[in-house]
C-alpha atoms as a PDB file:
ATOM      1  CA  MET A   1      -4.264  43.615 -21.128  1.00  0.00           C
ATOM      2  CA  GLU A   2      -1.674  41.922 -18.890  1.00  0.00           C
ATOM      3  CA  ASN A   3       0.241  44.245 -16.485  1.00  0.00           C
ATOM      4  CA  ARG A   4       4.011  42.739 -17.121  1.00  0.00           C
ATOM      5  CA  TYR A   5       3.903  44.768 -20.140  1.00  0.00           C
ATOM      6  CA  LEU A   6       3.532  47.975 -18.328  1.00  0.00           C
ATOM      7  CA  TYR A   7       7.020  49.993 -17.689  1.00  0.00           C
ATOM      8  CA  ARG A   8       7.315  52.807 -15.399  1.00  0.00           C
ATOM      9  CA  ALA A   9      10.231  55.516 -16.379  1.00  0.00           C
ATOM     10  CA  LYS A  10      10.951  59.184 -15.081  1.00  0.00           C
ATOM     11  CA  HIS A  11       9.317  61.809 -17.225  1.00  0.00           C
ATOM     12  CA  ILE A  12      11.056  64.515 -18.544  1.00  0.00           C
ATOM     13  CA  HIS A  13       9.846  67.734 -19.319  1.00  0.00           C
ATOM     14  CA  MET A  14      10.558  69.789 -21.824  1.00  0.00           C
ATOM     15  CA  LEU A  15      11.500  73.845 -20.576  1.00  0.00           C
ATOM     16  CA  SER A  16      12.013  76.235 -22.821  1.00  0.00           C
ATOM     17  CA  GLY A  17      13.705  74.020 -25.033  1.00  0.00           C
ATOM     18  CA  ASN A  18      15.714  72.306 -22.146  1.00  0.00           C
ATOM     19  CA  GLU A  19      15.380  69.056 -20.567  1.00  0.00           C
ATOM     20  CA  HIS A  20      14.290  68.904 -17.109  1.00  0.00           C
ATOM     21  CA  LEU A  21      13.917  65.471 -15.193  1.00  0.00           C
ATOM     22  CA  ASP A  22      10.762  66.302 -13.034  1.00  0.00           C
ATOM     23  CA  GLY A  23      11.257  62.985 -10.981  1.00  0.00           C
ATOM     24  CA  SER A  24       7.669  61.870 -11.518  1.00  0.00           C
ATOM     25  CA  TRP A  25       6.881  58.429 -12.822  1.00  0.00           C
ATOM     26  CA  VAL A  26       4.718  57.745 -15.568  1.00  0.00           C
ATOM     27  CA  ILE A  27       3.431  54.106 -16.526  1.00  0.00           C
ATOM     28  CA  GLY A  28       2.241  52.840 -19.871  1.00  0.00           C
ATOM     29  CA  PHE A  29       3.816  50.885 -22.331  1.00  0.00           C
ATOM     30  CA  LEU A  30       7.011  51.742 -24.226  1.00  0.00           C
ATOM     31  CA  SER A  31       6.759  53.733 -27.339  1.00  0.00           C
ATOM     32  CA  GLY A  32      10.295  53.681 -28.915  1.00  0.00           C
ATOM     33  CA  GLU A  33      13.405  54.140 -27.055  1.00  0.00           C
ATOM     34  CA  HIS A  34      13.047  57.460 -25.105  1.00  0.00           C
ATOM     35  CA  HIS A  35       8.812  57.654 -24.644  1.00  0.00           C
ATOM     36  CA  ILE A  36       5.677  55.689 -22.531  1.00  0.00           C
ATOM     37  CA  THR A  37       2.190  56.019 -24.123  1.00  0.00           C
ATOM     38  CA  ASN A  38      -0.884  55.830 -21.286  1.00  0.00           C
ATOM     39  CA  ASP A  39      -4.380  56.482 -21.775  1.00  0.00           C
ATOM     40  CA  SER A  40      -3.084  60.476 -20.767  1.00  0.00           C
ATOM     41  CA  GLY A  41      -0.952  60.969 -23.721  1.00  0.00           C
ATOM     42  CA  GLU A  42       2.580  60.289 -24.421  1.00  0.00           C
ATOM     43  CA  TYR A  43       5.325  60.676 -22.278  1.00  0.00           C
ATOM     44  CA  LEU A  44       9.256  61.434 -22.844  1.00  0.00           C
ATOM     45  CA  ILE A  45      11.174  59.615 -20.296  1.00  0.00           C
ATOM     46  CA  ASP A  46      14.715  59.123 -19.026  1.00  0.00           C
ATOM     47  CA  PRO A  47      15.680  56.231 -20.194  1.00  0.00           C
ATOM     48  CA  ASN A  48      17.901  54.783 -17.739  1.00  0.00           C
ATOM     49  CA  THR A  49      15.320  54.683 -14.930  1.00  0.00           C
ATOM     50  CA  ILE A  50      12.949  52.414 -17.573  1.00  0.00           C
ATOM     51  CA  CYS A  51      11.382  49.338 -15.111  1.00  0.00           C
ATOM     52  CA  GLN A  52       9.314  46.470 -16.380  1.00  0.00           C
ATOM     53  CA  CYS A  53       6.533  45.173 -14.453  1.00  0.00           C
ATOM     54  CA  THR A  54       7.063  41.390 -12.933  1.00  0.00           C
ATOM     55  CA  GLY A  55       3.276  40.914 -13.188  1.00  0.00           C
ATOM     56  CA  TYR A  56       2.760  40.272  -9.545  1.00  0.00           C
ATOM     57  CA  GLU A  57       1.209  43.124  -6.910  1.00  0.00           C
ATOM     58  CA  GLY A  58       3.078  43.874  -3.632  1.00  0.00           C
ATOM     59  CA  ILE A  59       1.278  44.006  -0.500  1.00  0.00           C
ATOM     60  CA  TYR A  60      -0.700  47.226  -1.165  1.00  0.00           C
ATOM     61  CA  GLU A  61      -2.038  45.750  -4.346  1.00  0.00           C
ATOM     62  CA  LYS A  62      -0.086  47.725  -6.378  1.00  0.00           C
ATOM     63  CA  ASP A  63       2.142  46.330  -9.304  1.00  0.00           C
ATOM     64  CA  ILE A  64       5.681  45.622  -8.805  1.00  0.00           C
ATOM     65  CA  PHE A  65       8.245  47.067 -11.354  1.00  0.00           C
ATOM     66  CA  GLN A  66      11.851  45.358 -11.840  1.00  0.00           C
ATOM     67  CA  CYS A  67      13.251  48.068  -9.727  1.00  0.00           C
ATOM     68  CA  ASP A  68      10.981  48.351  -6.261  1.00  0.00           C
ATOM     69  CA  ASP A  69      11.781  47.442  -3.162  1.00  0.00           C
ATOM     70  CA  GLU A  70       9.623  46.218  -0.257  1.00  0.00           C
ATOM     71  CA  ARG A  71      10.726  46.304   3.355  1.00  0.00           C
ATOM     72  CA  TYR A  72       9.897  43.254   5.829  1.00  0.00           C
ATOM     73  CA  VAL A  73      10.543  42.434   9.297  1.00  0.00           C
ATOM     74  CA  ILE A  74      12.000  38.851  10.271  1.00  0.00           C
ATOM     75  CA  GLU A  75       9.711  36.894  13.233  1.00  0.00           C
ATOM     76  CA  TRP A  76       8.979  33.844  14.119  1.00  0.00           C
ATOM     77  CA  CYS A  77       5.708  32.203  13.702  1.00  0.00           C
ATOM     78  CA  ASP A  78       4.450  30.337  16.299  1.00  0.00           C
ATOM     79  CA  ASP A  79       1.588  28.988  14.105  1.00  0.00           C
ATOM     80  CA  SER A  80       3.608  27.506  11.225  1.00  0.00           C
ATOM     81  CA  LEU A  81       6.530  26.600  13.676  1.00  0.00           C
ATOM     82  CA  SER A  82       9.224  28.780  11.301  1.00  0.00           C
ATOM     83  CA  TRP A  83      10.357  31.766  10.282  1.00  0.00           C
ATOM     84  CA  ASP A  84       8.090  34.975   8.379  1.00  0.00           C
ATOM     85  CA  ALA A  85       9.426  37.656   6.762  1.00  0.00           C
ATOM     86  CA  VAL A  86       6.299  40.204   7.927  1.00  0.00           C
ATOM     87  CA  ALA A  87       5.932  43.061   5.355  1.00  0.00           C
ATOM     88  CA  VAL A  88       6.178  46.383   7.087  1.00  0.00           C
ATOM     89  CA  GLY A  89       3.002  48.626   7.266  1.00  0.00           C
ATOM     90  CA  SER A  90       0.915  45.275   6.819  1.00  0.00           C
ATOM     91  CA  SER A  91       0.226  42.087   8.426  1.00  0.00           C
ATOM     92  CA  GLU A  92       0.868  40.226   5.565  1.00  0.00           C
ATOM     93  CA  SER A  93       3.859  37.743   5.881  1.00  0.00           C
ATOM     94  CA  ILE A  94       5.634  34.819   3.447  1.00  0.00           C
ATOM     95  CA  SER A  95       7.652  32.036   4.861  1.00  0.00           C
ATOM     96  CA  LEU A  96      11.101  33.102   4.949  1.00  0.00           C
ATOM     97  CA  GLY A  97      12.035  29.710   2.805  1.00  0.00           C
ATOM     98  CA  GLU A  98      10.094  31.167  -0.598  1.00  0.00           C
ATOM     99  CA  PHE A  99      12.895  33.749  -0.683  1.00  0.00           C
ATOM    100  CA  ALA A 100      15.716  33.111  -2.546  1.00  0.00           C
ATOM    101  CA  PRO A 101      19.631  33.579  -0.590  1.00  0.00           C
ATOM    102  CA  ASP A 102      20.339  36.524  -3.242  1.00  0.00           C
ATOM    103  CA  GLU A 103      16.431  38.089  -3.071  1.00  0.00           C
ATOM    104  CA  VAL A 104      17.579  38.903   0.999  1.00  0.00           C
ATOM    105  CA  ASP A 105      19.399  41.915   1.768  1.00  0.00           C
ATOM    106  CA  VAL A 106      19.862  42.820   5.224  1.00  0.00           C
ATOM    107  CA  ILE A 107      19.734  46.383   6.149  1.00  0.00           C
ATOM    108  CA  GLY A 108      19.581  46.874   9.997  1.00  0.00           C
ATOM    109  CA  ASN A 109      17.624  46.023  12.842  1.00  0.00           C
ATOM    110  CA  VAL A 110      14.419  47.105  14.598  1.00  0.00           C
ATOM    111  CA  PHE A 111      16.353  47.931  18.316  1.00  0.00           C
ATOM    112  CA  ASP A 112      19.533  50.124  16.256  1.00  0.00           C
ATOM    113  CA  ASN A 113      17.361  51.373  13.260  1.00  0.00           C
ATOM    114  CA  PRO A 114      13.758  51.529  14.477  1.00  0.00           C
ATOM    115  CA  GLU A 115      13.524  54.243  11.404  1.00  0.00           C
ATOM    116  CA  LEU A 116      13.468  51.641   8.957  1.00  0.00           C
ATOM    117  CA  LEU A 117      10.003  50.398  10.507  1.00  0.00           C
ATOM    118  CA  GLU A 118       8.426  53.454   9.357  1.00  0.00           C
ATOM    119  CA  VAL A 119       6.215  53.914   6.089  1.00  0.00           C
END
């Protein structure tokens, strides 16, 4: 089984016949437009929150889904003599050249927004 065929979406609970989005995520395989199935069962989901797995793992060895976001701090690396993107909460770094320009959104800096460094 390859991870890229996994999906994630917000679970909808049925309470007294009324749908209630509880905010919990379920991961599994799409089984119809409104359901995800995994080893624990079949779940009713909000189809507006469906995200497909990219097949890649993030810095914490968790699957990355198409809607996920990771934060990096841009730092100079004396070893490679280049700019690196260092993942917040980890020592993993990626050369800034590995990112396409449309993949980068500047959301602040560590001096004006220190809360961005909180994990």
